[in-house]
Protein backbone atom coordinates (compact mmCIF):
# COMPACT_ATOMS: atom_id res chain seq x y z
CA MET A 1 -39.14 99.21 -147.08
CA SER A 2 -39.43 96.37 -144.41
CA PRO A 3 -41.49 96.60 -141.13
CA SER A 4 -38.23 95.73 -139.28
CA THR A 5 -36.46 99.02 -141.09
CA HIS A 6 -39.52 101.29 -140.48
CA ALA A 7 -39.74 100.12 -136.66
CA LEU A 8 -36.09 100.92 -136.51
CA ARG A 9 -36.44 104.28 -138.14
CA TRP A 10 -39.08 105.08 -135.70
CA THR A 11 -37.23 103.71 -132.61
CA LEU A 12 -34.65 106.30 -133.48
CA ILE A 13 -36.89 109.00 -134.16
CA LEU A 14 -38.76 108.90 -130.60
CA THR A 15 -35.36 107.86 -128.88
CA VAL A 16 -34.08 111.44 -130.13
CA LEU A 17 -37.24 112.98 -129.49
CA GLY A 18 -38.06 111.69 -125.85
CA ALA A 19 -34.03 113.25 -125.29
CA ALA A 20 -34.47 116.32 -126.94
CA THR A 21 -37.95 116.87 -124.84
CA VAL A 22 -35.91 116.19 -121.51
CA LEU A 23 -33.05 118.34 -122.44
CA LEU A 24 -35.74 120.90 -123.23
CA GLY A 25 -37.28 120.64 -120.18
CA THR A 26 -34.70 121.53 -118.14
CA SER A 27 -34.74 125.04 -119.64
CA ALA A 28 -38.69 125.60 -118.92
CA GLY A 29 -39.69 127.00 -115.58
CA SER A 30 -42.21 129.22 -113.91
CA GLN A 31 -40.54 132.02 -114.80
CA GLY A 32 -39.95 131.27 -118.82
CA TRP A 33 -36.87 130.12 -120.81
CA GLN A 34 -33.36 129.57 -119.11
CA ALA A 35 -31.01 127.91 -121.28
CA TRP A 36 -29.48 124.75 -118.83
CA TRP A 37 -26.11 125.45 -120.06
CA SER A 38 -26.29 129.49 -118.96
CA ALA A 39 -26.78 127.69 -115.02
CA GLN A 40 -23.13 126.49 -114.79
CA ALA A 41 -22.20 130.26 -113.56
CA ASP A 42 -24.96 130.58 -111.34
CA ALA A 43 -25.12 128.16 -108.33
CA ALA A 44 -28.49 128.72 -107.38
CA SER A 45 -29.46 128.26 -111.04
CA GLN A 46 -27.55 125.15 -111.61
CA GLN A 47 -29.28 123.51 -108.40
CA ILE A 48 -32.56 124.34 -109.93
CA VAL A 49 -31.72 122.64 -113.24
CA PHE A 50 -29.64 119.75 -112.06
CA ASP A 51 -31.71 119.22 -108.77
CA ILE A 52 -35.35 119.85 -110.04
CA ARG A 53 -35.90 120.32 -113.60
CA LEU A 54 -33.64 117.69 -114.71
CA PRO A 55 -34.87 114.57 -112.55
CA ARG A 56 -38.55 116.06 -113.36
CA SER A 57 -38.15 115.91 -116.90
CA LEU A 58 -36.34 112.53 -116.92
CA GLY A 59 -39.01 111.34 -114.57
CA ALA A 60 -41.88 112.28 -116.82
CA TRP A 61 -40.18 110.23 -119.61
CA LEU A 62 -39.76 107.42 -117.63
CA GLY A 63 -43.23 107.50 -115.76
CA GLY A 64 -44.94 107.96 -119.30
CA GLY A 65 -42.85 104.97 -120.94
CA LEU A 66 -44.21 102.64 -117.98
CA LEU A 67 -47.42 104.02 -119.21
CA GLY A 68 -47.07 103.30 -122.68
CA LEU A 69 -45.75 99.90 -122.32
CA ALA A 70 -48.30 99.16 -119.71
CA GLY A 71 -50.91 100.17 -122.38
CA ALA A 72 -49.56 98.23 -124.84
CA VAL A 73 -49.26 94.78 -123.31
CA ALA A 74 -52.83 95.42 -121.56
CA GLN A 75 -54.15 95.96 -124.94
CA GLY A 76 -52.17 93.05 -126.51
CA LEU A 77 -53.33 90.63 -123.80
CA PHE A 78 -56.82 91.41 -123.55
CA ARG A 79 -57.13 92.03 -127.90
CA ASN A 80 -59.00 94.93 -126.83
CA PRO A 81 -57.54 98.85 -128.59
CA LEU A 82 -59.77 100.57 -125.45
CA ALA A 83 -57.62 98.63 -122.61
CA ASP A 84 -55.27 100.90 -120.78
CA PRO A 85 -52.88 100.44 -117.85
CA TYR A 86 -55.84 101.09 -115.29
CA LEU A 87 -57.91 98.48 -116.18
CA LEU A 88 -57.30 95.93 -113.29
CA GLY A 89 -57.72 98.70 -110.63
CA SER A 90 -54.37 99.77 -109.96
CA ALA A 91 -55.08 103.43 -110.10
CA SER A 92 -58.13 103.13 -107.82
CA GLY A 93 -56.10 101.05 -105.17
CA ALA A 94 -52.89 103.65 -105.38
CA SER A 95 -55.60 106.34 -104.53
CA LEU A 96 -57.26 104.34 -101.61
CA GLY A 97 -53.52 103.86 -100.71
CA VAL A 98 -52.88 107.40 -100.95
CA GLY A 99 -55.72 108.34 -98.93
CA VAL A 100 -55.43 106.42 -96.16
CA TYR A 101 -51.63 107.47 -95.63
CA LEU A 102 -52.50 110.85 -95.50
CA SER A 103 -55.70 110.55 -93.42
CA LEU A 104 -53.13 108.91 -90.88
CA PHE A 105 -50.06 111.23 -91.19
CA GLY A 106 -51.91 114.17 -92.28
CA GLY A 107 -50.09 117.16 -94.31
CA SER A 108 -49.92 117.94 -97.89
CA ALA A 109 -49.17 115.04 -100.15
CA TRP A 110 -46.62 117.18 -102.32
CA ALA A 111 -45.13 118.74 -99.62
CA MET A 112 -43.77 115.88 -97.87
CA THR A 113 -40.08 114.84 -98.32
CA GLY A 114 -37.46 112.54 -97.06
CA TRP A 115 -38.94 109.19 -95.24
CA MET A 116 -42.73 110.90 -95.28
CA GLY A 117 -42.43 111.02 -99.16
CA LEU A 118 -41.46 107.64 -99.60
CA GLY A 119 -43.99 106.58 -97.09
CA LEU A 120 -46.51 108.15 -99.78
CA THR A 121 -44.88 106.63 -102.60
CA GLY A 122 -44.88 103.36 -100.83
CA ALA A 123 -49.00 103.48 -99.82
CA ALA A 124 -49.43 104.12 -103.77
CA PHE A 125 -47.46 101.35 -104.97
CA LEU A 126 -48.82 98.95 -102.08
CA GLY A 127 -52.22 100.03 -102.54
CA ALA A 128 -52.07 99.38 -106.39
CA VAL A 129 -50.62 96.17 -106.05
CA LEU A 130 -53.10 95.13 -103.57
CA ALA A 131 -55.98 96.05 -106.15
CA VAL A 132 -54.37 93.91 -108.64
CA ILE A 133 -54.29 90.95 -106.34
CA LEU A 134 -58.14 91.46 -105.31
CA THR A 135 -58.83 91.48 -108.91
CA LEU A 136 -56.99 88.50 -109.64
CA LEU A 137 -58.80 86.64 -106.64
CA LEU A 138 -62.05 87.47 -107.94
CA ALA A 139 -61.22 86.64 -111.27
CA ARG A 140 -60.11 83.35 -109.91
CA GLY A 141 -56.55 83.67 -112.11
CA VAL A 142 -55.62 84.69 -115.40
CA GLN A 143 -57.54 82.15 -117.34
CA GLN A 144 -60.68 83.82 -118.43
CA THR A 145 -59.81 87.31 -120.37
CA LEU A 146 -63.52 88.25 -119.84
CA ARG A 147 -63.89 87.63 -116.14
CA LEU A 148 -60.33 89.55 -115.38
CA LEU A 149 -61.47 92.52 -117.37
CA LEU A 150 -65.17 92.26 -115.29
CA ALA A 151 -62.95 92.17 -111.94
CA GLY A 152 -61.28 94.77 -112.93
CA VAL A 153 -63.90 97.15 -113.09
CA VAL A 154 -65.54 96.00 -110.35
CA VAL A 155 -62.46 96.48 -108.11
CA GLY A 156 -62.00 100.01 -109.62
CA VAL A 157 -65.29 100.96 -108.95
CA VAL A 158 -65.73 99.82 -105.25
CA LEU A 159 -62.35 100.94 -104.33
CA GLY A 160 -62.88 104.64 -106.09
CA ALA A 161 -66.02 104.74 -103.79
CA PHE A 162 -64.17 103.94 -100.87
CA THR A 163 -61.54 106.75 -101.84
CA SER A 164 -64.66 109.56 -102.10
CA MET A 165 -66.06 108.32 -98.49
CA LEU A 166 -62.62 108.74 -97.26
CA SER A 167 -62.31 112.39 -98.51
CA LEU A 168 -65.48 113.09 -97.16
CA LEU A 169 -64.87 111.79 -93.59
CA GLN A 170 -61.68 113.30 -93.65
CA PRO A 171 -61.70 116.78 -95.26
CA GLN A 172 -58.12 117.75 -94.67
CA VAL A 173 -56.80 115.35 -97.40
CA LEU A 174 -59.05 116.85 -100.17
CA GLN A 175 -56.44 119.39 -101.34
CA ALA A 176 -53.39 116.81 -101.38
CA MET A 177 -55.79 114.20 -102.84
CA GLN A 178 -56.54 116.55 -105.72
CA GLY A 179 -53.04 117.06 -106.52
CA PHE A 180 -52.58 113.35 -106.64
CA MET A 181 -55.60 112.80 -108.83
CA LEU A 182 -54.96 115.12 -111.39
CA GLY A 183 -51.04 113.79 -111.80
CA SER A 184 -48.12 115.95 -111.00
CA THR A 185 -44.54 115.70 -112.27
CA ALA A 186 -43.29 118.50 -110.05
CA PHE A 187 -41.98 116.60 -107.00
CA VAL A 188 -40.07 113.74 -108.86
CA SER A 189 -36.29 113.05 -107.24
CA TRP A 190 -33.57 111.21 -108.61
CA THR A 191 -34.43 108.52 -106.39
CA ALA A 192 -37.73 108.36 -107.90
CA CYS A 193 -36.00 108.46 -111.49
CA ILE A 194 -33.72 105.14 -110.40
CA THR A 195 -36.62 103.45 -109.21
CA MET A 196 -38.75 103.56 -112.49
CA ALA A 197 -35.84 103.43 -114.61
CA LEU A 198 -35.07 99.67 -112.74
CA VAL A 199 -38.89 98.99 -113.28
CA LEU A 200 -39.11 100.08 -116.76
CA GLY A 201 -35.92 97.72 -117.39
CA LEU A 202 -37.36 95.17 -115.62
CA CYS A 203 -40.67 95.19 -117.43
CA VAL A 204 -39.42 95.62 -120.88
CA GLY A 205 -37.42 92.32 -120.53
CA LEU A 206 -40.37 90.43 -119.32
CA ALA A 207 -42.63 91.75 -122.14
CA TRP A 208 -40.17 91.58 -124.80
CA THR A 209 -39.65 87.63 -123.82
CA PHE A 210 -43.45 87.13 -123.72
CA ALA A 211 -44.09 89.14 -127.10
CA ARG A 212 -44.41 86.41 -129.53
CA VAL A 213 -47.32 85.09 -127.06
CA LEU A 214 -49.15 88.36 -127.96
CA ASP A 215 -48.42 87.73 -131.23
CA ALA A 216 -50.05 84.47 -131.06
CA LEU A 217 -53.20 85.87 -129.13
CA THR A 218 -54.04 88.20 -132.15
CA LEU A 219 -55.15 85.21 -133.88
CA GLY A 220 -57.32 84.16 -130.99
CA GLU A 221 -56.56 81.99 -127.82
CA SER A 222 -57.91 78.80 -129.41
CA THR A 223 -55.00 78.89 -132.33
CA ALA A 224 -52.73 80.27 -129.96
CA GLN A 225 -53.17 77.07 -127.68
CA THR A 226 -52.49 74.59 -131.05
CA LEU A 227 -49.40 76.30 -131.67
CA GLY A 228 -48.24 75.16 -127.74
CA VAL A 229 -48.30 78.91 -126.28
CA PRO A 230 -47.94 78.64 -122.34
CA LEU A 231 -51.15 81.22 -122.13
CA ARG A 232 -51.44 80.76 -118.21
CA SER A 233 -48.14 81.36 -117.30
CA ALA A 234 -47.55 83.98 -120.02
CA ARG A 235 -51.12 85.57 -119.01
CA LEU A 236 -49.72 85.93 -115.16
CA VAL A 237 -46.45 87.57 -116.43
CA LEU A 238 -47.63 90.20 -118.60
CA VAL A 239 -50.48 90.87 -115.94
CA GLY A 240 -47.21 91.10 -113.65
CA VAL A 241 -45.76 93.54 -115.88
CA ILE A 242 -49.08 95.77 -116.31
CA SER A 243 -49.21 95.87 -112.62
CA LEU A 244 -45.78 96.57 -111.61
CA ALA A 245 -45.14 99.02 -114.19
CA THR A 246 -48.82 100.56 -113.56
CA GLY A 247 -47.82 101.00 -109.93
CA ALA A 248 -44.23 102.55 -110.22
CA ALA A 249 -45.75 105.31 -112.52
CA VAL A 250 -48.73 105.92 -110.43
CA ALA A 251 -46.80 106.10 -107.23
CA HIS A 252 -44.35 108.80 -108.32
CA ILE A 253 -46.64 110.90 -110.87
CA GLY A 254 -50.04 110.35 -109.76
CA LEU A 255 -52.76 109.62 -112.03
CA VAL A 256 -51.70 110.45 -115.63
CA ALA A 257 -54.66 109.83 -117.89
CA PHE A 258 -54.73 108.74 -121.54
CA VAL A 259 -50.60 108.32 -122.29
CA GLY A 260 -51.23 104.42 -121.81
CA LEU A 261 -54.39 104.73 -123.95
CA ALA A 262 -53.06 106.83 -126.70
CA ALA A 263 -49.26 105.79 -126.59
CA PRO A 264 -50.16 102.19 -128.66
CA HIS A 265 -52.83 103.81 -130.76
CA LEU A 266 -50.07 106.08 -132.35
CA VAL A 267 -47.42 103.69 -132.93
CA ARG A 268 -50.04 101.43 -134.79
CA SER A 269 -50.92 104.63 -136.99
CA LEU A 270 -47.42 105.08 -137.61
CA VAL A 271 -45.95 101.60 -138.41
CA ARG A 272 -47.10 97.98 -138.50
CA CYS A 273 -44.91 95.48 -136.61
CA THR A 274 -44.91 92.70 -134.45
CA HIS A 275 -45.26 92.98 -130.56
CA ALA A 276 -41.60 92.58 -130.22
CA TRP A 277 -41.15 96.25 -131.75
CA HIS A 278 -44.63 97.57 -130.77
CA LEU A 279 -43.99 97.05 -127.08
CA LEU A 280 -40.59 99.00 -127.24
CA LEU A 281 -42.34 101.99 -129.77
CA ALA A 282 -45.35 102.35 -127.14
CA GLY A 283 -43.14 102.96 -124.09
CA LEU A 284 -40.74 105.41 -126.04
CA MET A 285 -44.15 107.16 -127.67
CA GLY A 286 -45.46 107.36 -123.93
CA GLY A 287 -42.34 108.62 -122.59
CA ALA A 288 -42.30 110.99 -125.63
CA LEU A 289 -45.47 112.72 -124.92
CA LEU A 290 -45.63 112.89 -120.97
CA ALA A 291 -42.43 114.82 -121.55
CA VAL A 292 -43.77 116.91 -123.76
CA ALA A 293 -46.94 117.51 -121.77
CA ASP A 294 -45.04 118.25 -118.85
CA VAL A 295 -42.90 121.22 -120.64
CA LEU A 296 -46.25 122.29 -122.29
CA ALA A 297 -47.72 122.15 -118.49
CA ARG A 298 -45.00 124.43 -117.16
CA VAL A 299 -45.28 127.22 -119.74
CA LEU A 300 -48.44 127.48 -121.35
CA PHE A 301 -49.67 129.77 -118.45
CA ALA A 302 -46.61 130.58 -116.72
CA PRO A 303 -46.13 131.40 -113.97
CA GLN A 304 -48.87 129.33 -113.10
CA GLU A 305 -48.54 125.37 -113.74
CA LEU A 306 -51.26 123.18 -115.28
CA PRO A 307 -51.44 119.74 -113.93
CA VAL A 308 -49.72 117.52 -116.26
CA GLY A 309 -52.52 115.01 -115.93
CA VAL A 310 -55.01 117.55 -117.08
CA LEU A 311 -53.14 118.29 -120.34
CA THR A 312 -52.50 114.63 -121.44
CA ALA A 313 -56.07 114.28 -120.97
CA VAL A 314 -56.93 116.94 -122.97
CA LEU A 315 -54.52 116.35 -125.92
CA GLY A 316 -55.16 112.42 -125.65
CA GLY A 317 -58.96 112.69 -125.64
CA GLY A 318 -58.92 115.26 -128.30
CA TYR A 319 -56.57 112.73 -130.19
CA LEU A 320 -58.90 109.57 -129.89
CA LEU A 321 -62.21 111.77 -130.84
CA TRP A 322 -60.30 112.87 -133.97
CA ARG A 323 -59.39 109.25 -134.48
CA VAL A 324 -63.11 108.04 -134.15
CA TYR A 325 -64.46 110.87 -136.12
CA ARG A 326 -61.73 109.85 -139.17
CA ASP A 327 -62.26 106.39 -138.82
CA THR A 328 -66.25 106.85 -138.84
CA HIS A 329 -66.16 108.91 -141.84
CA ARG A 330 -64.05 106.96 -143.69
CA SER A 331 -65.72 103.54 -143.38
CA ALA A 332 -68.78 105.52 -144.36
CA GLY A 333 -66.62 106.74 -147.58
CA THR A 334 -66.51 110.28 -146.99
CA ALA A 335 -63.14 110.55 -145.67
CA PRO A 336 -60.87 113.36 -147.43
């Protein structure tokens, strides 16, 4: 079987898995399972399913797709399998933006609706974008990959310290900040789904256009330059893809850990392909992972709900620890 055929097969599998999980999510609630088709006879149940559960499940899939795509782009651009979407400081910037917004207007982050909720989302997105811009300024552009990585780490640490200081000075924002930091899909609306879908479509198109650049970078920067690859403009666009995808996801679902890191690893363990396929598969894998985690977060300890970010951290961290253990023993010749 050719690599393209294998990649196409996994694309279909992950698409079906994502769609099935989104539909399954419409039947998962704090009171147990309720088939979505049975809600047609009950107006109240129908509203719960189609106005709350369906956009939440779809939003989880879209947010996971954004993080999976951003993680694949980051790992390809920086040629580092440990790179994740939050590497450029976007997560810390979004957290600081939410903290500033809550300090100014008060109230519970996840209880806000209407224009207040849109303001919270905008504050998170604006904070993420400004953090990435600050990273680019410190790195003096995107030419030096190592300098860009170091600048991202520094910006993330500094903005995280400011967020912690703000939480200490304004104790009333602690509870709301905790909800954002742990990640939640509970208040994703249809408007958020439309926004994330548009951003995901744009980012997939841009990343797909520069997939050959990522293929060339696997051979090294000097080799890519000899092949005539426009590294400077390509890096700028790809950093923009990482920032836009991460900012849109974090603004709507909070800080969800490990999805952007684990999704590309899972894809590489299933199929070897060029970045044109890898980026698409990583997005589908990220969407499936977060959609499954969202369903599990609702039903594992029902009627109490787990923050989805906690569950993805446990599952994603456990998977990566298993990969490290397996690879270590395999390299030592003791793997089963």
